[in-house]
Amino acid sequence: MFNADFKTLRELCSSGKSGSFFYYTSDGNFMLKTIRKNEFKLMKSILKKYYNHLTKYNPDSLISRIYGLHKVIFYRKKGKTQKKLYFCIMNNVFNTNNKIDYRYDLKGSTHGRTTTFPANKPKDLTIALKDLDFLNKKEKFKIGGKYKKKLMAIIKKDVEFFSGCGIIDYSMLIGVHERKRPEIEIDRDSPSNQSLSVSELERE
């Protein structure tokens, strides 16, 4: 990156209000995110708590894994002026074989929580929708059985961690993959196909 060689980076995008930029590795496993100085200092101050939370207290945590926290200082020839770049290396939560049709960035707040798209351009589905978009679409995620109970326990621990660190600005990032029924050509006159069930048509 510092040599302006972006061959190993898959894409570059802006995150909107935060002003951060994201660079993805070609295999999609990791991403580089630029951060502000205050974010860098906060992460350094809670680093031990963060590590213990992910390794000891809540190993199934939904909090993103940060693998590196970096500061790079650029000096000019005279050595009088300098520029600092802060960034972290983290996991890409959307690294999956399934296509992410759309995504949500949910904070649990409705104040200014909507995503607007330019009227003269097609919607960029890589940009996350927000809380009001979620409510307007009347979306629901059905999570049943034991997994729901486990998920709620994980989220509760994560919230307690943020609270203990004095952090109130966080959100849940959700990617949605729409399962579509495969198109199967069936010869209705063939005896072998007359007993084909719906479950077989919907099987992936």
C-alpha atoms as a PDB file:
ATOM      1  CA  MET A   1       0.000   0.000   0.000  1.00  0.00           C
ATOM      2  CA  PHE A   2       2.765   2.415   0.916  1.00  0.00           C
ATOM      3  CA  ASN A   3       4.444   1.805  -2.450  1.00  0.00           C
ATOM      4  CA  ALA A   4       1.157   2.499  -4.257  1.00  0.00           C
ATOM      5  CA  ASP A   5       0.982  -1.158  -5.287  1.00  0.00           C
ATOM      6  CA  PHE A   6      -2.653  -2.242  -4.924  1.00  0.00           C
ATOM      7  CA  LYS A   7      -2.374  -5.518  -6.826  1.00  0.00           C
ATOM      8  CA  THR A   8      -3.021  -7.626  -3.727  1.00  0.00           C
ATOM      9  CA  LEU A   9      -6.001  -5.523  -2.584  1.00  0.00           C
ATOM     10  CA  ARG A  10      -9.398  -6.388  -3.994  1.00  0.00           C
ATOM     11  CA  GLU A  11     -11.393  -3.185  -3.568  1.00  0.00           C
ATOM     12  CA  LEU A  12     -11.512   0.215  -1.970  1.00  0.00           C
ATOM     13  CA  CYS A  13     -14.621   1.854  -0.554  1.00  0.00           C
ATOM     14  CA  SER A  14     -15.649   4.665   1.751  1.00  0.00           C
ATOM     15  CA  SER A  15     -17.732   3.981   4.840  1.00  0.00           C
ATOM     16  CA  GLY A  16     -19.680   7.253   4.755  1.00  0.00           C
ATOM     17  CA  LYS A  17     -19.872   9.457   7.845  1.00  0.00           C
ATOM     18  CA  SER A  18     -16.858   7.932   9.571  1.00  0.00           C
ATOM     19  CA  GLY A  19     -14.584   8.882   6.679  1.00  0.00           C
ATOM     20  CA  SER A  20     -12.811   5.537   6.944  1.00  0.00           C
ATOM     21  CA  PHE A  21     -11.542   3.549   3.989  1.00  0.00           C
ATOM     22  CA  PHE A  22     -11.493  -0.212   3.639  1.00  0.00           C
ATOM     23  CA  TYR A  23      -8.996  -2.282   1.670  1.00  0.00           C
ATOM     24  CA  TYR A  24      -9.769  -5.979   1.231  1.00  0.00           C
ATOM     25  CA  THR A  25      -7.205  -8.705   0.644  1.00  0.00           C
ATOM     26  CA  SER A  26      -7.637 -10.659  -2.580  1.00  0.00           C
ATOM     27  CA  ASP A  27      -8.791 -13.792  -0.726  1.00  0.00           C
ATOM     28  CA  GLY A  28     -11.425 -11.802   1.176  1.00  0.00           C
ATOM     29  CA  ASN A  29     -10.285 -13.013   4.614  1.00  0.00           C
ATOM     30  CA  PHE A  30      -8.953  -9.729   5.981  1.00  0.00           C
ATOM     31  CA  MET A  31      -9.511  -6.030   5.619  1.00  0.00           C
ATOM     32  CA  LEU A  32      -7.543  -2.909   6.411  1.00  0.00           C
ATOM     33  CA  LYS A  33      -9.567  -0.066   7.892  1.00  0.00           C
ATOM     34  CA  THR A  34      -8.257   3.454   8.374  1.00  0.00           C
ATOM     35  CA  ILE A  35      -9.238   4.920  11.743  1.00  0.00           C
ATOM     36  CA  ARG A  36      -9.009   8.245  13.555  1.00  0.00           C
ATOM     37  CA  LYS A  37      -6.438   9.075  16.226  1.00  0.00           C
ATOM     38  CA  ASN A  38      -8.995   8.932  19.055  1.00  0.00           C
ATOM     39  CA  GLU A  39     -10.132   5.491  17.896  1.00  0.00           C
ATOM     40  CA  PHE A  40      -6.519   4.323  17.852  1.00  0.00           C
ATOM     41  CA  LYS A  41      -5.939   5.602  21.403  1.00  0.00           C
ATOM     42  CA  LEU A  42      -9.182   4.053  22.667  1.00  0.00           C
ATOM     43  CA  MET A  43      -8.316   0.659  21.216  1.00  0.00           C
ATOM     44  CA  LYS A  44      -4.871   0.774  22.824  1.00  0.00           C
ATOM     45  CA  SER A  45      -6.411   1.625  26.196  1.00  0.00           C
ATOM     46  CA  ILE A  46      -8.850  -1.326  26.151  1.00  0.00           C
ATOM     47  CA  LEU A  47      -6.581  -3.799  24.369  1.00  0.00           C
ATOM     48  CA  LYS A  48      -6.116  -6.102  27.361  1.00  0.00           C
ATOM     49  CA  LYS A  49      -9.840  -6.130  28.185  1.00  0.00           C
ATOM     50  CA  TYR A  50     -10.623  -6.767  24.519  1.00  0.00           C
ATOM     51  CA  TYR A  51      -8.209  -9.698  24.337  1.00  0.00           C
ATOM     52  CA  ASN A  52      -9.525 -11.271  27.542  1.00  0.00           C
ATOM     53  CA  HIS A  53     -13.127 -10.845  26.437  1.00  0.00           C
ATOM     54  CA  LEU A  54     -12.560 -12.682  23.153  1.00  0.00           C
ATOM     55  CA  THR A  55     -10.311 -15.431  24.519  1.00  0.00           C
ATOM     56  CA  LYS A  56     -11.660 -16.087  28.011  1.00  0.00           C
ATOM     57  CA  TYR A  57     -15.059 -14.586  28.766  1.00  0.00           C
ATOM     58  CA  ASN A  58     -16.874 -14.744  25.424  1.00  0.00           C
ATOM     59  CA  PRO A  59     -14.996 -16.772  22.773  1.00  0.00           C
ATOM     60  CA  ASP A  60     -18.118 -16.862  20.565  1.00  0.00           C
ATOM     61  CA  SER A  61     -18.341 -13.059  20.650  1.00  0.00           C
ATOM     62  CA  LEU A  62     -19.854 -11.269  17.660  1.00  0.00           C
ATOM     63  CA  ILE A  63     -17.341  -8.435  18.025  1.00  0.00           C
ATOM     64  CA  SER A  64     -14.998  -8.127  15.048  1.00  0.00           C
ATOM     65  CA  ARG A  65     -11.547  -9.636  15.476  1.00  0.00           C
ATOM     66  CA  ILE A  66      -8.789  -7.046  15.258  1.00  0.00           C
ATOM     67  CA  TYR A  67      -5.436  -8.636  14.444  1.00  0.00           C
ATOM     68  CA  GLY A  68      -3.271  -5.549  14.189  1.00  0.00           C
ATOM     69  CA  LEU A  69      -3.312  -1.923  15.330  1.00  0.00           C
ATOM     70  CA  HIS A  70      -0.855   0.332  13.522  1.00  0.00           C
ATOM     71  CA  LYS A  71       0.409   3.893  13.264  1.00  0.00           C
ATOM     72  CA  VAL A  72       2.625   4.992  10.383  1.00  0.00           C
ATOM     73  CA  ILE A  73       4.444   8.339  10.440  1.00  0.00           C
ATOM     74  CA  PHE A  74       5.426   9.967   7.155  1.00  0.00           C
ATOM     75  CA  TYR A  75       8.302  12.455   7.417  1.00  0.00           C
ATOM     76  CA  ARG A  76       9.115  15.060   4.805  1.00  0.00           C
ATOM     77  CA  LYS A  77      12.721  15.614   3.753  1.00  0.00           C
ATOM     78  CA  LYS A  78      13.279  18.530   6.103  1.00  0.00           C
ATOM     79  CA  GLY A  79      11.886  16.527   8.991  1.00  0.00           C
ATOM     80  CA  LYS A  80       9.757  19.422  10.197  1.00  0.00           C
ATOM     81  CA  THR A  81       6.344  18.324   9.018  1.00  0.00           C
ATOM     82  CA  GLN A  82       4.834  14.887   9.348  1.00  0.00           C
ATOM     83  CA  LYS A  83       1.651  13.004   8.641  1.00  0.00           C
ATOM     84  CA  LYS A  84       0.313  10.113  10.686  1.00  0.00           C
ATOM     85  CA  LEU A  85      -1.838   7.308   9.379  1.00  0.00           C
ATOM     86  CA  TYR A  86      -3.760   5.063  11.752  1.00  0.00           C
ATOM     87  CA  PHE A  87      -5.269   1.775  10.681  1.00  0.00           C
ATOM     88  CA  CYS A  88      -6.209  -1.674  11.924  1.00  0.00           C
ATOM     89  CA  ILE A  89      -6.260  -5.130  10.360  1.00  0.00           C
ATOM     90  CA  MET A  90      -9.442  -7.065  11.031  1.00  0.00           C
ATOM     91  CA  ASN A  91     -11.506 -10.003   9.836  1.00  0.00           C
ATOM     92  CA  ASN A  92     -14.004  -9.600   7.019  1.00  0.00           C
ATOM     93  CA  VAL A  93     -17.371 -10.680   8.447  1.00  0.00           C
ATOM     94  CA  PHE A  94     -18.824 -10.978   4.940  1.00  0.00           C
ATOM     95  CA  ASN A  95     -16.243 -13.447   3.682  1.00  0.00           C
ATOM     96  CA  THR A  96     -18.619 -16.205   2.591  1.00  0.00           C
ATOM     97  CA  ASN A  97     -19.339 -18.333  -0.452  1.00  0.00           C
ATOM     98  CA  ASN A  98     -22.932 -17.080  -0.393  1.00  0.00           C
ATOM     99  CA  LYS A  99     -23.752 -13.830  -2.164  1.00  0.00           C
ATOM    100  CA  ILE A 100     -24.629 -11.008   0.244  1.00  0.00           C
ATOM    101  CA  ASP A 101     -27.712  -9.511  -1.412  1.00  0.00           C
ATOM    102  CA  TYR A 102     -27.962  -6.636   1.054  1.00  0.00           C
ATOM    103  CA  ARG A 103     -26.747  -5.703   4.518  1.00  0.00           C
ATOM    104  CA  TYR A 104     -27.818  -3.819   7.608  1.00  0.00           C
ATOM    105  CA  ASP A 105     -25.926  -1.683  10.104  1.00  0.00           C
ATOM    106  CA  LEU A 106     -28.240  -1.684  13.144  1.00  0.00           C
ATOM    107  CA  LYS A 107     -27.652   0.469  16.234  1.00  0.00           C
ATOM    108  CA  GLY A 108     -31.023   0.183  17.971  1.00  0.00           C
ATOM    109  CA  SER A 109     -31.653   3.892  17.333  1.00  0.00           C
ATOM    110  CA  THR A 110     -33.907   5.623  14.809  1.00  0.00           C
ATOM    111  CA  HIS A 111     -32.351   9.118  14.912  1.00  0.00           C
ATOM    112  CA  GLY A 112     -31.003   9.757  11.424  1.00  0.00           C
ATOM    113  CA  ARG A 113     -30.809   6.029  10.851  1.00  0.00           C
ATOM    114  CA  THR A 114     -31.706   5.765   7.187  1.00  0.00           C
ATOM    115  CA  THR A 115     -29.640   5.250   4.051  1.00  0.00           C
ATOM    116  CA  THR A 116     -30.207   7.468   1.043  1.00  0.00           C
ATOM    117  CA  PHE A 117     -29.123   6.640  -2.495  1.00  0.00           C
ATOM    118  CA  PRO A 118     -28.649   9.018  -5.448  1.00  0.00           C
ATOM    119  CA  ALA A 119     -31.862   9.206  -7.475  1.00  0.00           C
ATOM    120  CA  ASN A 120     -30.109   9.008 -10.845  1.00  0.00           C
ATOM    121  CA  LYS A 121     -27.982   5.969 -10.029  1.00  0.00           C
ATOM    122  CA  PRO A 122     -28.756   2.311  -9.286  1.00  0.00           C
ATOM    123  CA  LYS A 123     -28.652   1.330  -5.632  1.00  0.00           C
ATOM    124  CA  ASP A 124     -25.253   0.200  -4.420  1.00  0.00           C
ATOM    125  CA  LEU A 125     -26.149  -2.890  -2.365  1.00  0.00           C
ATOM    126  CA  THR A 126     -22.698  -2.948  -0.764  1.00  0.00           C
ATOM    127  CA  ILE A 127     -23.772   0.131   1.225  1.00  0.00           C
ATOM    128  CA  ALA A 128     -25.440  -0.935   4.464  1.00  0.00           C
ATOM    129  CA  LEU A 129     -29.056  -0.095   5.181  1.00  0.00           C
ATOM    130  CA  LYS A 130     -29.929   1.221   8.635  1.00  0.00           C
ATOM    131  CA  ASP A 131     -32.517   0.908  11.393  1.00  0.00           C
ATOM    132  CA  LEU A 132     -35.331   2.879   9.752  1.00  0.00           C
ATOM    133  CA  ASP A 133     -34.809   0.965   6.503  1.00  0.00           C
ATOM    134  CA  PHE A 134     -35.115  -2.260   8.485  1.00  0.00           C
ATOM    135  CA  LEU A 135     -38.344  -1.102  10.150  1.00  0.00           C
ATOM    136  CA  ASN A 136     -39.862   0.255   6.925  1.00  0.00           C
ATOM    137  CA  LYS A 137     -39.262  -3.049   5.162  1.00  0.00           C
ATOM    138  CA  LYS A 138     -40.824  -4.831   8.162  1.00  0.00           C
ATOM    139  CA  GLU A 139     -37.960  -7.276   8.219  1.00  0.00           C
ATOM    140  CA  LYS A 140     -37.724 -10.005  10.832  1.00  0.00           C
ATOM    141  CA  PHE A 141     -35.027 -12.566  11.539  1.00  0.00           C
ATOM    142  CA  LYS A 142     -36.467 -15.752  12.952  1.00  0.00           C
ATOM    143  CA  ILE A 143     -34.028 -17.535  15.242  1.00  0.00           C
ATOM    144  CA  GLY A 144     -35.480 -20.468  17.079  1.00  0.00           C
ATOM    145  CA  GLY A 145     -34.669 -23.082  19.649  1.00  0.00           C
ATOM    146  CA  LYS A 146     -31.452 -23.319  21.600  1.00  0.00           C
ATOM    147  CA  TYR A 147     -29.523 -21.101  19.185  1.00  0.00           C
ATOM    148  CA  LYS A 148     -31.693 -18.100  20.057  1.00  0.00           C
ATOM    149  CA  LYS A 149     -30.943 -18.514  23.760  1.00  0.00           C
ATOM    150  CA  LYS A 150     -27.217 -18.897  23.078  1.00  0.00           C
ATOM    151  CA  LEU A 151     -27.170 -15.907  20.720  1.00  0.00           C
ATOM    152  CA  MET A 152     -28.876 -13.657  23.261  1.00  0.00           C
ATOM    153  CA  ALA A 153     -26.343 -14.700  25.917  1.00  0.00           C
ATOM    154  CA  ILE A 154     -23.453 -13.856  23.556  1.00  0.00           C
ATOM    155  CA  ILE A 155     -24.920 -10.444  22.727  1.00  0.00           C
ATOM    156  CA  LYS A 156     -25.525  -9.694  26.420  1.00  0.00           C
ATOM    157  CA  LYS A 157     -21.865 -10.381  27.236  1.00  0.00           C
ATOM    158  CA  ASP A 158     -20.733  -8.199  24.336  1.00  0.00           C
ATOM    159  CA  VAL A 159     -22.962  -5.346  25.508  1.00  0.00           C
ATOM    160  CA  GLU A 160     -21.579  -5.672  29.039  1.00  0.00           C
ATOM    161  CA  PHE A 161     -18.052  -5.468  27.615  1.00  0.00           C
ATOM    162  CA  PHE A 162     -18.838  -2.249  25.708  1.00  0.00           C
ATOM    163  CA  SER A 163     -20.533  -0.802  28.776  1.00  0.00           C
ATOM    164  CA  GLY A 164     -17.523  -1.635  30.957  1.00  0.00           C
ATOM    165  CA  CYS A 165     -15.270   0.189  28.474  1.00  0.00           C
ATOM    166  CA  GLY A 166     -17.521   3.261  28.398  1.00  0.00           C
ATOM    167  CA  ILE A 167     -18.467   2.663  24.745  1.00  0.00           C
ATOM    168  CA  ILE A 168     -22.020   3.476  23.634  1.00  0.00           C
ATOM    169  CA  ASP A 169     -21.566   3.868  19.864  1.00  0.00           C
ATOM    170  CA  TYR A 170     -21.603   0.384  18.362  1.00  0.00           C
ATOM    171  CA  SER A 171     -23.800  -1.521  15.951  1.00  0.00           C
ATOM    172  CA  MET A 172     -24.591  -4.992  14.648  1.00  0.00           C
ATOM    173  CA  LEU A 173     -23.643  -5.645  11.043  1.00  0.00           C
ATOM    174  CA  ILE A 174     -25.910  -8.174   9.327  1.00  0.00           C
ATOM    175  CA  GLY A 175     -25.559  -9.631   5.845  1.00  0.00           C
ATOM    176  CA  VAL A 176     -28.623 -11.134   4.151  1.00  0.00           C
ATOM    177  CA  HIS A 177     -28.426 -13.883   1.542  1.00  0.00           C
ATOM    178  CA  GLU A 178     -31.713 -14.565  -0.200  1.00  0.00           C
ATOM    179  CA  ARG A 179     -32.296 -18.225  -0.924  1.00  0.00           C
ATOM    180  CA  LYS A 180     -34.009 -18.682  -4.263  1.00  0.00           C
ATOM    181  CA  ARG A 181     -35.709 -21.790  -5.564  1.00  0.00           C
ATOM    182  CA  PRO A 182     -33.509 -23.332  -8.288  1.00  0.00           C
ATOM    183  CA  GLU A 183     -34.935 -23.399 -11.780  1.00  0.00           C
ATOM    184  CA  ILE A 184     -35.422 -27.062 -12.727  1.00  0.00           C
ATOM    185  CA  GLU A 185     -36.834 -28.139 -16.065  1.00  0.00           C
ATOM    186  CA  ILE A 186     -39.276 -30.984 -15.504  1.00  0.00           C
ATOM    187  CA  ASP A 187     -40.768 -33.210 -18.173  1.00  0.00           C
ATOM    188  CA  ARG A 188     -44.316 -33.469 -16.867  1.00  0.00           C
ATOM    189  CA  ASP A 189     -45.075 -36.427 -19.156  1.00  0.00           C
ATOM    190  CA  SER A 190     -42.194 -38.494 -17.816  1.00  0.00           C
ATOM    191  CA  PRO A 191     -43.337 -41.068 -15.209  1.00  0.00           C
ATOM    192  CA  SER A 192     -40.044 -40.659 -13.376  1.00  0.00           C
ATOM    193  CA  ASN A 193     -40.879 -37.007 -12.622  1.00  0.00           C
ATOM    194  CA  GLN A 194     -44.548 -37.273 -11.697  1.00  0.00           C
ATOM    195  CA  SER A 195     -43.796 -37.916  -8.008  1.00  0.00           C
ATOM    196  CA  LEU A 196     -41.203 -35.131  -7.582  1.00  0.00           C
ATOM    197  CA  SER A 197     -41.901 -33.392  -4.250  1.00  0.00           C
ATOM    198  CA  VAL A 198     -41.680 -29.707  -3.297  1.00  0.00           C
ATOM    199  CA  SER A 199     -38.903 -30.479  -0.806  1.00  0.00           C
ATOM    200  CA  GLU A 200     -36.819 -31.861  -3.644  1.00  0.00           C
ATOM    201  CA  LEU A 201     -37.347 -28.724  -5.680  1.00  0.00           C
ATOM    202  CA  GLU A 202     -36.220 -26.521  -2.804  1.00  0.00           C
ATOM    203  CA  ARG A 203     -33.247 -28.627  -1.842  1.00  0.00           C
ATOM    204  CA  GLU A 204     -29.898 -26.850  -2.316  1.00  0.00           C
END
